[in-house]
Amino acid sequence: MQKFSLLFALACAATAASVSWAALIAISNSTQALAFGSFVAGSGGSVTVAVNPLGRSASGGVFLVPSGIWSAASFSVTGDPSATYAITLPANGVVSLTSGSNTMAVDSFTSNPALTGQLSVGGSQTLMVGATLSVGSNQASGSYSGSFSVTVNYN
């Protein structure tokens, strides 16, 4: 009989704000954190939460648990009506999730909108962020957590 350990990974997104010459543009993660959901590490691979289109997938020897709750991070961006802004996501090799002394790298961050966004006439927009979690062979089970920053600046 083969034994599998379930993993649950969650990355709680941090907030960031940038100042422009005209007014403030702000970003807050008040709606949804990035969550990779439950999975079995198996021989290792990755779990990806995509934002365009929205979905979750696994590669290598990782097996997704269908009932595992996952989500892309959802940020609220506010500022000057109809203004455009640039999005800066974390670079590869910067973010990791931890559970005790165990870690997993989070890389390949993506967003929707990608690279730039435009605020509505009411001065707001929802920004979705996804990423890829690297899972080691026989990764230790646990509830992994971490944080990352997203920055927005007026164009």
C-alpha atoms as a PDB file:
ATOM      1  CA  MET A   1       0.000   0.000   0.000  1.00  0.00           C
ATOM      2  CA  GLN A   2       1.381   3.375  -1.029  1.00  0.00           C
ATOM      3  CA  LYS A   3       1.074   6.286   1.403  1.00  0.00           C
ATOM      4  CA  PHE A   4       0.503   9.858   0.213  1.00  0.00           C
ATOM      5  CA  SER A   5       0.737  13.047   2.231  1.00  0.00           C
ATOM      6  CA  LEU A   6      -1.505  15.984   1.433  1.00  0.00           C
ATOM      7  CA  LEU A   7      -0.077  19.471   1.193  1.00  0.00           C
ATOM      8  CA  PHE A   8      -1.911  22.745   1.419  1.00  0.00           C
ATOM      9  CA  ALA A   9      -0.171  25.885   0.256  1.00  0.00           C
ATOM     10  CA  LEU A  10      -1.342  29.452   0.728  1.00  0.00           C
ATOM     11  CA  ALA A  11       0.431  32.672  -0.077  1.00  0.00           C
ATOM     12  CA  CYS A  12      -1.062  35.647   1.704  1.00  0.00           C
ATOM     13  CA  ALA A  13      -0.495  38.664  -0.479  1.00  0.00           C
ATOM     14  CA  ALA A  14       0.863  41.852   1.036  1.00  0.00           C
ATOM     15  CA  THR A  15      -0.193  45.350   0.069  1.00  0.00           C
ATOM     16  CA  ALA A  16       1.773  48.163  -1.507  1.00  0.00           C
ATOM     17  CA  ALA A  17       1.087  51.756  -2.489  1.00  0.00           C
ATOM     18  CA  SER A  18       2.929  54.201  -4.738  1.00  0.00           C
ATOM     19  CA  VAL A  19       2.807  57.975  -4.992  1.00  0.00           C
ATOM     20  CA  SER A  20       2.354  59.865  -8.266  1.00  0.00           C
ATOM     21  CA  TRP A  21       2.760  63.582  -8.923  1.00  0.00           C
ATOM     22  CA  ALA A  22      -1.000  64.092  -9.282  1.00  0.00           C
ATOM     23  CA  ALA A  23      -2.502  61.884  -6.603  1.00  0.00           C
ATOM     24  CA  LEU A  24      -2.158  58.573  -4.826  1.00  0.00           C
ATOM     25  CA  ILE A  25      -2.683  55.240  -6.449  1.00  0.00           C
ATOM     26  CA  ALA A  26      -3.302  52.450  -3.942  1.00  0.00           C
ATOM     27  CA  ILE A  27      -3.539  48.678  -3.985  1.00  0.00           C
ATOM     28  CA  SER A  28      -5.074  46.490  -1.307  1.00  0.00           C
ATOM     29  CA  ASN A  29      -5.538  42.744  -0.975  1.00  0.00           C
ATOM     30  CA  SER A  30      -8.837  42.915   0.820  1.00  0.00           C
ATOM     31  CA  THR A  31     -10.656  40.405  -1.367  1.00  0.00           C
ATOM     32  CA  GLN A  32      -8.689  37.160  -1.895  1.00  0.00           C
ATOM     33  CA  ALA A  33      -5.248  35.671  -1.146  1.00  0.00           C
ATOM     34  CA  LEU A  34      -3.312  33.448  -3.554  1.00  0.00           C
ATOM     35  CA  ALA A  35      -3.974  29.822  -2.587  1.00  0.00           C
ATOM     36  CA  PHE A  36      -2.551  26.757  -4.354  1.00  0.00           C
ATOM     37  CA  GLY A  37      -4.976  24.375  -2.643  1.00  0.00           C
ATOM     38  CA  SER A  38      -4.429  20.784  -1.553  1.00  0.00           C
ATOM     39  CA  PHE A  39      -2.247  18.376  -3.522  1.00  0.00           C
ATOM     40  CA  VAL A  40      -0.056  15.291  -3.210  1.00  0.00           C
ATOM     41  CA  ALA A  41       3.667  15.920  -3.826  1.00  0.00           C
ATOM     42  CA  GLY A  42       4.417  12.501  -5.332  1.00  0.00           C
ATOM     43  CA  SER A  43       7.704  12.650  -7.235  1.00  0.00           C
ATOM     44  CA  GLY A  44       7.619  16.462  -7.337  1.00  0.00           C
ATOM     45  CA  GLY A  45       6.748  19.042  -9.956  1.00  0.00           C
ATOM     46  CA  SER A  46       4.649  22.180  -9.748  1.00  0.00           C
ATOM     47  CA  VAL A  47       1.217  23.632  -9.089  1.00  0.00           C
ATOM     48  CA  THR A  48       0.149  26.664 -11.126  1.00  0.00           C
ATOM     49  CA  VAL A  49      -2.692  29.067 -10.449  1.00  0.00           C
ATOM     50  CA  ALA A  50      -3.352  30.903 -13.716  1.00  0.00           C
ATOM     51  CA  VAL A  51      -5.281  34.143 -14.111  1.00  0.00           C
ATOM     52  CA  ASN A  52      -6.011  34.264 -17.844  1.00  0.00           C
ATOM     53  CA  PRO A  53      -7.908  32.035 -18.105  1.00  0.00           C
ATOM     54  CA  LEU A  54      -8.460  31.394 -14.412  1.00  0.00           C
ATOM     55  CA  GLY A  55      -7.500  27.843 -13.465  1.00  0.00           C
ATOM     56  CA  ARG A  56      -5.255  25.491 -11.504  1.00  0.00           C
ATOM     57  CA  SER A  57      -2.988  22.792 -12.935  1.00  0.00           C
ATOM     58  CA  ALA A  58      -0.190  20.453 -11.862  1.00  0.00           C
ATOM     59  CA  SER A  59       2.869  19.113 -13.649  1.00  0.00           C
ATOM     60  CA  GLY A  60       5.368  16.342 -13.032  1.00  0.00           C
ATOM     61  CA  GLY A  61       4.417  13.904 -10.282  1.00  0.00           C
ATOM     62  CA  VAL A  62       2.151  16.322  -8.382  1.00  0.00           C
ATOM     63  CA  PHE A  63      -1.502  15.301  -8.045  1.00  0.00           C
ATOM     64  CA  LEU A  64      -4.211  17.876  -7.331  1.00  0.00           C
ATOM     65  CA  VAL A  65      -6.859  17.109  -4.725  1.00  0.00           C
ATOM     66  CA  PRO A  66     -10.109  18.122  -6.471  1.00  0.00           C
ATOM     67  CA  SER A  67     -11.730  19.311  -3.245  1.00  0.00           C
ATOM     68  CA  GLY A  68      -8.729  21.516  -2.405  1.00  0.00           C
ATOM     69  CA  ILE A  69      -9.749  25.170  -2.253  1.00  0.00           C
ATOM     70  CA  TRP A  70      -7.521  27.338  -4.431  1.00  0.00           C
ATOM     71  CA  SER A  71      -7.680  30.916  -5.734  1.00  0.00           C
ATOM     72  CA  ALA A  72      -5.770  33.619  -7.536  1.00  0.00           C
ATOM     73  CA  ALA A  73      -4.974  36.687  -5.448  1.00  0.00           C
ATOM     74  CA  SER A  74      -7.420  39.520  -6.010  1.00  0.00           C
ATOM     75  CA  PHE A  75      -6.343  43.103  -5.393  1.00  0.00           C
ATOM     76  CA  SER A  76      -8.340  46.306  -5.514  1.00  0.00           C
ATOM     77  CA  VAL A  77      -6.481  49.141  -7.260  1.00  0.00           C
ATOM     78  CA  THR A  78      -7.811  52.666  -6.734  1.00  0.00           C
ATOM     79  CA  GLY A  79      -6.761  56.113  -7.887  1.00  0.00           C
ATOM     80  CA  ASP A  80      -7.464  58.775 -10.499  1.00  0.00           C
ATOM     81  CA  PRO A  81     -10.429  57.931 -12.765  1.00  0.00           C
ATOM     82  CA  SER A  82      -9.420  56.382 -16.130  1.00  0.00           C
ATOM     83  CA  ALA A  83      -5.690  56.559 -15.284  1.00  0.00           C
ATOM     84  CA  THR A  84      -3.344  53.864 -16.566  1.00  0.00           C
ATOM     85  CA  TYR A  85      -0.826  52.205 -14.303  1.00  0.00           C
ATOM     86  CA  ALA A  86       2.143  49.819 -14.459  1.00  0.00           C
ATOM     87  CA  ILE A  87       2.162  46.560 -12.487  1.00  0.00           C
ATOM     88  CA  THR A  88       5.327  45.182 -10.866  1.00  0.00           C
ATOM     89  CA  LEU A  89       5.197  41.552  -9.734  1.00  0.00           C
ATOM     90  CA  PRO A  90       7.802  39.654  -7.673  1.00  0.00           C
ATOM     91  CA  ALA A  91      10.868  38.393  -9.542  1.00  0.00           C
ATOM     92  CA  ASN A  92      11.734  34.696  -9.646  1.00  0.00           C
ATOM     93  CA  GLY A  93      13.780  33.482  -6.696  1.00  0.00           C
ATOM     94  CA  VAL A  94      12.343  35.998  -4.239  1.00  0.00           C
ATOM     95  CA  VAL A  95       9.179  34.404  -2.794  1.00  0.00           C
ATOM     96  CA  SER A  96       8.859  31.134  -0.916  1.00  0.00           C
ATOM     97  CA  LEU A  97       6.261  29.436   1.241  1.00  0.00           C
ATOM     98  CA  THR A  98       7.251  27.846   4.543  1.00  0.00           C
ATOM     99  CA  SER A  99       5.890  25.297   6.968  1.00  0.00           C
ATOM    100  CA  GLY A 100       8.270  24.981   9.898  1.00  0.00           C
ATOM    101  CA  SER A 101      11.706  24.381   8.344  1.00  0.00           C
ATOM    102  CA  ASN A 102      10.270  23.238   4.984  1.00  0.00           C
ATOM    103  CA  THR A 103      10.031  25.588   1.998  1.00  0.00           C
ATOM    104  CA  MET A 104       8.696  25.731  -1.552  1.00  0.00           C
ATOM    105  CA  ALA A 105       9.603  28.405  -4.128  1.00  0.00           C
ATOM    106  CA  VAL A 106       6.927  30.545  -5.771  1.00  0.00           C
ATOM    107  CA  ASP A 107       7.884  31.905  -9.207  1.00  0.00           C
ATOM    108  CA  SER A 108       6.468  32.897 -12.602  1.00  0.00           C
ATOM    109  CA  PHE A 109       3.997  35.439 -11.251  1.00  0.00           C
ATOM    110  CA  THR A 110       1.345  36.583 -13.749  1.00  0.00           C
ATOM    111  CA  SER A 111      -1.430  39.152 -13.569  1.00  0.00           C
ATOM    112  CA  ASN A 112      -4.675  40.094 -15.237  1.00  0.00           C
ATOM    113  CA  PRO A 113      -4.479  42.750 -16.468  1.00  0.00           C
ATOM    114  CA  ALA A 114      -0.878  42.021 -17.494  1.00  0.00           C
ATOM    115  CA  LEU A 115       1.867  44.675 -17.231  1.00  0.00           C
ATOM    116  CA  THR A 116      -0.505  47.673 -17.308  1.00  0.00           C
ATOM    117  CA  GLY A 117      -4.049  48.366 -16.186  1.00  0.00           C
ATOM    118  CA  GLN A 118      -6.555  51.152 -16.545  1.00  0.00           C
ATOM    119  CA  LEU A 119      -8.766  52.363 -13.745  1.00  0.00           C
ATOM    120  CA  SER A 120     -12.482  52.723 -14.435  1.00  0.00           C
ATOM    121  CA  VAL A 121     -14.236  56.086 -14.652  1.00  0.00           C
ATOM    122  CA  GLY A 122     -14.947  55.502 -10.966  1.00  0.00           C
ATOM    123  CA  GLY A 123     -11.194  55.141 -10.260  1.00  0.00           C
ATOM    124  CA  SER A 124     -10.921  51.423  -9.500  1.00  0.00           C
ATOM    125  CA  GLN A 125      -9.997  48.073 -11.028  1.00  0.00           C
ATOM    126  CA  THR A 126      -9.603  44.490  -9.841  1.00  0.00           C
ATOM    127  CA  LEU A 127      -6.123  43.022 -10.357  1.00  0.00           C
ATOM    128  CA  MET A 128      -5.757  39.214 -10.294  1.00  0.00           C
ATOM    129  CA  VAL A 129      -2.366  37.564  -9.568  1.00  0.00           C
ATOM    130  CA  GLY A 130      -1.339  33.936 -10.049  1.00  0.00           C
ATOM    131  CA  ALA A 131       1.971  32.063  -9.824  1.00  0.00           C
ATOM    132  CA  THR A 132       3.684  28.678  -9.966  1.00  0.00           C
ATOM    133  CA  LEU A 133       4.660  26.719  -6.848  1.00  0.00           C
ATOM    134  CA  SER A 134       7.676  24.366  -7.110  1.00  0.00           C
ATOM    135  CA  VAL A 135       7.013  21.142  -5.213  1.00  0.00           C
ATOM    136  CA  GLY A 136       9.897  18.863  -4.253  1.00  0.00           C
ATOM    137  CA  SER A 137       9.870  15.097  -4.491  1.00  0.00           C
ATOM    138  CA  ASN A 138       8.165  13.816  -1.333  1.00  0.00           C
ATOM    139  CA  GLN A 139       7.758  17.413  -0.097  1.00  0.00           C
ATOM    140  CA  ALA A 140       6.877  17.384   3.597  1.00  0.00           C
ATOM    141  CA  SER A 141       3.174  17.793   4.238  1.00  0.00           C
ATOM    142  CA  GLY A 142       1.923  20.838   6.084  1.00  0.00           C
ATOM    143  CA  SER A 143       0.158  24.154   5.818  1.00  0.00           C
ATOM    144  CA  TYR A 144       2.610  26.405   3.982  1.00  0.00           C
ATOM    145  CA  SER A 145       2.327  30.188   4.015  1.00  0.00           C
ATOM    146  CA  GLY A 146       4.213  33.251   2.900  1.00  0.00           C
ATOM    147  CA  SER A 147       3.733  36.691   1.447  1.00  0.00           C
ATOM    148  CA  PHE A 148       4.594  38.737  -1.619  1.00  0.00           C
ATOM    149  CA  SER A 149       4.291  42.330  -2.734  1.00  0.00           C
ATOM    150  CA  VAL A 150       2.696  43.804  -5.840  1.00  0.00           C
ATOM    151  CA  THR A 151       3.405  47.417  -6.760  1.00  0.00           C
ATOM    152  CA  VAL A 152       1.387  49.747  -8.992  1.00  0.00           C
ATOM    153  CA  ASN A 153       2.585  53.105 -10.359  1.00  0.00           C
ATOM    154  CA  TYR A 154       0.839  55.616 -12.604  1.00  0.00           C
ATOM    155  CA  ASN A 155       2.133  55.629 -16.188  1.00  0.00           C
END
